[in-house]
Amino acid sequence: MPIPVIAITNASTCLTDAQVEAVIPALQKQVSDDFKAYWELDCTPKFLSGTEPLTPGWWQIVNVDNPDQAGALGYHEMSSTALRSEKFSPSSTWKVDHPGQQP
């Protein structure tokens, strides 16, 4: 079963849309290099602005200031139609770093 496109949405005031969108290539590299190697599945992360509707069948990761689960920095959910979503909260020390990244 192929994994669909995963929409990355920014609902946080800690990071700008441009900052969130800038990590999409790093997410794609991690998914294609690490996740695919282990699970034999690949997906395509895509930035989705807060004004764009979620395409039916896509999964979603939402960057939020405070996840609505007590004590959690993030969590996963599954809808009644088996669509997955995740909410996570970045901290002030959140950093994307991978070989070849320019400072």
N, C-alpha and C. Protein backbone atom coordinates (compact mmCIF):
# COMPACT_ATOMS: atom_id res chain seq x y z
N MET A 1 0.84 -1.18 0.00
CA MET A 1 0.00 0.00 0.00
C MET A 1 0.88 1.24 0.00
N PRO A 2 0.79 2.08 -1.00
CA PRO A 2 1.60 3.30 -1.00
C PRO A 2 1.07 4.32 0.01
N ILE A 3 2.00 5.04 0.60
CA ILE A 3 1.62 6.12 1.50
C ILE A 3 1.33 7.34 0.64
N PRO A 4 0.28 8.06 0.94
CA PRO A 4 -0.08 9.21 0.12
C PRO A 4 0.83 10.40 0.37
N VAL A 5 0.47 11.48 -0.25
CA VAL A 5 1.11 12.75 0.02
C VAL A 5 0.82 13.11 1.48
N ILE A 6 1.80 13.67 2.16
CA ILE A 6 1.60 14.13 3.52
C ILE A 6 1.69 15.65 3.51
N ALA A 7 0.57 16.29 3.82
CA ALA A 7 0.51 17.75 3.86
C ALA A 7 1.14 18.23 5.15
N ILE A 8 2.07 19.17 5.04
CA ILE A 8 2.70 19.80 6.20
C ILE A 8 2.09 21.19 6.33
N THR A 9 1.36 21.43 7.41
CA THR A 9 0.64 22.68 7.62
C THR A 9 1.18 23.39 8.85
N ASN A 10 1.33 24.70 8.77
CA ASN A 10 1.81 25.49 9.89
C ASN A 10 0.66 26.23 10.55
N ALA A 11 0.36 25.87 11.80
CA ALA A 11 -0.65 26.58 12.59
C ALA A 11 0.00 27.19 13.82
N SER A 12 1.31 27.35 13.79
CA SER A 12 2.08 27.86 14.92
C SER A 12 2.44 29.32 14.73
N THR A 13 2.61 30.01 15.84
CA THR A 13 3.13 31.37 15.79
C THR A 13 4.63 31.38 16.07
N CYS A 14 5.20 30.22 16.39
CA CYS A 14 6.64 30.11 16.69
C CYS A 14 7.49 30.09 15.43
N LEU A 15 6.94 29.56 14.35
CA LEU A 15 7.65 29.46 13.08
C LEU A 15 6.80 30.08 11.98
N THR A 16 7.45 30.66 11.00
CA THR A 16 6.73 31.20 9.85
C THR A 16 6.44 30.09 8.86
N ASP A 17 5.51 30.34 7.95
CA ASP A 17 5.25 29.37 6.88
C ASP A 17 6.53 29.12 6.09
N ALA A 18 7.31 30.17 5.83
CA ALA A 18 8.55 30.02 5.06
C ALA A 18 9.54 29.10 5.78
N GLN A 19 9.62 29.20 7.11
CA GLN A 19 10.52 28.33 7.86
C GLN A 19 10.07 26.87 7.79
N VAL A 20 8.77 26.66 7.90
CA VAL A 20 8.24 25.30 7.83
C VAL A 20 8.42 24.74 6.42
N GLU A 21 8.09 25.54 5.42
CA GLU A 21 8.23 25.09 4.03
C GLU A 21 9.68 24.78 3.69
N ALA A 22 10.62 25.49 4.31
CA ALA A 22 12.05 25.29 4.02
C ALA A 22 12.56 23.91 4.45
N VAL A 23 11.88 23.25 5.38
CA VAL A 23 12.34 21.93 5.83
C VAL A 23 11.79 20.79 4.98
N ILE A 24 10.89 21.08 4.05
CA ILE A 24 10.29 20.03 3.23
C ILE A 24 11.34 19.20 2.49
N PRO A 25 12.36 19.80 1.84
CA PRO A 25 13.39 18.98 1.18
C PRO A 25 14.11 18.04 2.16
N ALA A 26 14.38 18.51 3.37
CA ALA A 26 15.03 17.66 4.37
C ALA A 26 14.12 16.52 4.80
N LEU A 27 12.82 16.81 4.95
CA LEU A 27 11.85 15.76 5.27
C LEU A 27 11.78 14.72 4.16
N GLN A 28 11.77 15.19 2.90
CA GLN A 28 11.73 14.25 1.77
C GLN A 28 12.96 13.36 1.77
N LYS A 29 14.12 13.94 2.03
CA LYS A 29 15.36 13.16 2.07
C LYS A 29 15.31 12.11 3.18
N GLN A 30 14.84 12.52 4.36
CA GLN A 30 14.75 11.57 5.47
C GLN A 30 13.78 10.44 5.15
N VAL A 31 12.61 10.79 4.61
CA VAL A 31 11.62 9.77 4.27
C VAL A 31 12.19 8.81 3.23
N SER A 32 12.78 9.36 2.17
CA SER A 32 13.27 8.52 1.07
C SER A 32 14.49 7.70 1.47
N ASP A 33 15.35 8.25 2.33
CA ASP A 33 16.56 7.52 2.74
C ASP A 33 16.30 6.54 3.89
N ASP A 34 15.55 6.98 4.90
CA ASP A 34 15.42 6.19 6.12
C ASP A 34 14.11 5.42 6.23
N PHE A 35 13.01 6.11 6.09
CA PHE A 35 11.70 5.47 6.22
C PHE A 35 11.51 4.42 5.13
N LYS A 36 11.79 4.81 3.89
CA LYS A 36 11.60 3.89 2.76
C LYS A 36 12.49 2.65 2.89
N ALA A 37 13.73 2.85 3.35
CA ALA A 37 14.64 1.71 3.49
C ALA A 37 14.13 0.70 4.51
N TYR A 38 13.50 1.16 5.57
CA TYR A 38 13.01 0.27 6.61
C TYR A 38 11.64 -0.31 6.28
N TRP A 39 10.73 0.54 5.82
CA TRP A 39 9.34 0.12 5.61
C TRP A 39 9.04 -0.27 4.16
N GLU A 40 9.98 -0.02 3.26
CA GLU A 40 9.79 -0.27 1.83
C GLU A 40 8.59 0.50 1.27
N LEU A 41 8.39 1.70 1.82
CA LEU A 41 7.33 2.61 1.40
C LEU A 41 7.91 4.01 1.30
N ASP A 42 7.38 4.81 0.43
CA ASP A 42 7.81 6.19 0.29
C ASP A 42 6.58 7.08 0.30
N CYS A 43 6.77 8.35 0.52
CA CYS A 43 5.68 9.31 0.46
C CYS A 43 6.25 10.64 -0.01
N THR A 44 5.38 11.59 -0.22
CA THR A 44 5.80 12.92 -0.66
C THR A 44 5.27 13.96 0.30
N PRO A 45 6.15 14.57 1.11
CA PRO A 45 5.68 15.68 1.94
C PRO A 45 5.52 16.94 1.10
N LYS A 46 4.42 17.65 1.31
CA LYS A 46 4.13 18.89 0.58
C LYS A 46 3.66 19.94 1.57
N PHE A 47 4.17 21.16 1.42
CA PHE A 47 3.68 22.26 2.27
C PHE A 47 2.29 22.65 1.81
N LEU A 48 1.39 22.84 2.77
CA LEU A 48 0.02 23.25 2.49
C LEU A 48 -0.27 24.47 3.36
N SER A 49 -0.52 25.60 2.74
CA SER A 49 -0.80 26.82 3.52
C SER A 49 -2.11 26.65 4.29
N GLY A 50 -2.29 27.48 5.30
CA GLY A 50 -3.49 27.40 6.12
C GLY A 50 -4.77 27.74 5.37
N THR A 51 -4.65 28.34 4.19
CA THR A 51 -5.84 28.70 3.42
C THR A 51 -6.22 27.63 2.40
N GLU A 52 -5.33 26.68 2.17
CA GLU A 52 -5.60 25.63 1.18
C GLU A 52 -6.31 24.45 1.84
N PRO A 53 -7.33 23.89 1.20
CA PRO A 53 -8.00 22.73 1.78
C PRO A 53 -7.14 21.48 1.65
N LEU A 54 -7.30 20.57 2.60
CA LEU A 54 -6.61 19.30 2.55
C LEU A 54 -7.22 18.43 1.45
N THR A 55 -6.39 17.94 0.56
CA THR A 55 -6.86 17.10 -0.54
C THR A 55 -7.34 15.76 0.02
N PRO A 56 -8.51 15.27 -0.39
CA PRO A 56 -8.99 13.98 0.10
C PRO A 56 -7.94 12.87 -0.11
N GLY A 57 -7.74 12.07 0.92
CA GLY A 57 -6.78 10.97 0.86
C GLY A 57 -5.39 11.33 1.35
N TRP A 58 -5.08 12.60 1.45
CA TRP A 58 -3.77 13.01 1.97
C TRP A 58 -3.75 12.86 3.48
N TRP A 59 -2.58 12.56 4.02
CA TRP A 59 -2.36 12.59 5.45
C TRP A 59 -1.90 14.00 5.79
N GLN A 60 -1.82 14.32 7.09
CA GLN A 60 -1.46 15.68 7.46
C GLN A 60 -0.61 15.72 8.73
N ILE A 61 0.41 16.58 8.70
CA ILE A 61 1.18 16.92 9.89
C ILE A 61 0.95 18.41 10.13
N VAL A 62 0.50 18.76 11.32
CA VAL A 62 0.21 20.15 11.65
C VAL A 62 1.18 20.61 12.73
N ASN A 63 1.88 21.69 12.45
CA ASN A 63 2.77 22.32 13.40
C ASN A 63 1.93 23.28 14.23
N VAL A 64 1.83 23.06 15.54
CA VAL A 64 1.00 23.89 16.42
C VAL A 64 1.84 24.42 17.58
N ASP A 65 1.37 25.47 18.23
CA ASP A 65 2.07 26.00 19.40
C ASP A 65 1.95 25.05 20.59
N ASN A 66 0.76 24.54 20.81
CA ASN A 66 0.50 23.67 21.96
C ASN A 66 -0.43 22.54 21.54
N PRO A 67 0.09 21.31 21.39
CA PRO A 67 -0.81 20.20 21.08
C PRO A 67 -1.88 20.07 22.17
N ASP A 68 -3.06 19.64 21.78
CA ASP A 68 -4.15 19.55 22.75
C ASP A 68 -4.15 18.22 23.52
N GLN A 69 -2.99 17.64 23.70
CA GLN A 69 -2.80 16.45 24.54
C GLN A 69 -1.89 16.85 25.69
N ALA A 70 -2.36 16.75 26.90
CA ALA A 70 -1.60 17.18 28.08
C ALA A 70 -0.23 16.50 28.14
N GLY A 71 0.82 17.30 28.28
CA GLY A 71 2.17 16.78 28.47
C GLY A 71 2.85 16.26 27.21
N ALA A 72 2.22 16.38 26.07
CA ALA A 72 2.79 15.83 24.83
C ALA A 72 3.36 16.95 23.97
N LEU A 73 4.50 16.69 23.33
CA LEU A 73 5.03 17.62 22.33
C LEU A 73 4.44 17.33 20.96
N GLY A 74 3.81 16.18 20.84
CA GLY A 74 3.17 15.80 19.59
C GLY A 74 2.46 14.48 19.75
N TYR A 75 1.57 14.17 18.83
CA TYR A 75 0.86 12.90 18.86
C TYR A 75 0.28 12.58 17.50
N HIS A 76 -0.13 11.34 17.31
CA HIS A 76 -0.71 10.86 16.05
C HIS A 76 -2.18 10.51 16.29
N GLU A 77 -2.98 10.67 15.24
CA GLU A 77 -4.38 10.29 15.27
C GLU A 77 -4.72 9.53 13.99
N MET A 78 -5.80 8.77 14.03
CA MET A 78 -6.32 8.13 12.82
C MET A 78 -7.81 8.39 12.76
N SER A 79 -8.27 8.86 11.59
CA SER A 79 -9.70 9.15 11.44
C SER A 79 -10.48 7.85 11.23
N SER A 80 -11.78 7.96 11.22
CA SER A 80 -12.63 6.79 10.99
C SER A 80 -12.46 6.22 9.59
N THR A 81 -11.88 7.03 8.68
CA THR A 81 -11.63 6.54 7.32
C THR A 81 -10.16 6.16 7.12
N ALA A 82 -9.43 5.94 8.22
CA ALA A 82 -8.05 5.49 8.23
C ALA A 82 -7.06 6.53 7.70
N LEU A 83 -7.44 7.80 7.72
CA LEU A 83 -6.50 8.85 7.36
C LEU A 83 -5.74 9.24 8.62
N ARG A 84 -4.44 9.36 8.49
CA ARG A 84 -3.61 9.66 9.64
C ARG A 84 -3.29 11.15 9.71
N SER A 85 -3.13 11.64 10.92
CA SER A 85 -2.69 13.01 11.11
C SER A 85 -1.79 13.06 12.34
N GLU A 86 -0.99 14.08 12.39
CA GLU A 86 -0.08 14.28 13.51
C GLU A 86 -0.07 15.75 13.85
N LYS A 87 0.02 16.05 15.13
CA LYS A 87 0.23 17.42 15.59
C LYS A 87 1.52 17.41 16.39
N PHE A 88 2.34 18.43 16.17
CA PHE A 88 3.55 18.54 16.97
C PHE A 88 3.85 20.00 17.23
N SER A 89 4.64 20.21 18.29
CA SER A 89 5.00 21.56 18.69
C SER A 89 6.51 21.72 18.66
N PRO A 90 7.00 22.69 17.90
CA PRO A 90 8.44 22.95 17.90
C PRO A 90 8.84 23.69 19.17
N SER A 91 10.07 23.55 19.56
CA SER A 91 10.57 24.33 20.68
C SER A 91 11.48 25.42 20.14
N SER A 92 11.95 26.28 21.00
CA SER A 92 12.84 27.35 20.56
C SER A 92 14.19 26.79 20.11
N THR A 93 14.47 25.53 20.45
CA THR A 93 15.74 24.92 20.06
C THR A 93 15.59 23.97 18.89
N TRP A 94 14.40 23.91 18.28
CA TRP A 94 14.13 23.02 17.16
C TRP A 94 15.04 23.37 16.01
N LYS A 95 15.72 22.38 15.45
CA LYS A 95 16.68 22.64 14.38
C LYS A 95 16.69 21.46 13.42
N VAL A 96 16.73 21.75 12.14
CA VAL A 96 16.89 20.72 11.13
C VAL A 96 18.35 20.75 10.71
N ASP A 97 19.01 19.63 10.79
CA ASP A 97 20.43 19.58 10.45
C ASP A 97 20.69 18.26 9.75
N HIS A 98 21.31 18.31 8.61
CA HIS A 98 21.67 17.09 7.91
C HIS A 98 22.95 17.35 7.13
N PRO A 99 23.70 16.30 6.75
CA PRO A 99 24.94 16.50 6.01
C PRO A 99 24.71 17.33 4.74
N GLY A 100 25.58 18.27 4.52
CA GLY A 100 25.49 19.08 3.31
C GLY A 100 24.64 20.32 3.48
N GLN A 101 23.97 20.47 4.62
CA GLN A 101 23.14 21.65 4.83
C GLN A 101 24.03 22.86 5.06
N GLN A 102 23.69 23.95 4.43
CA GLN A 102 24.43 25.19 4.61
C GLN A 102 23.97 25.89 5.88
N PRO A 103 24.91 26.46 6.68
CA PRO A 103 24.51 27.15 7.92
C PRO A 103 23.73 28.40 7.63
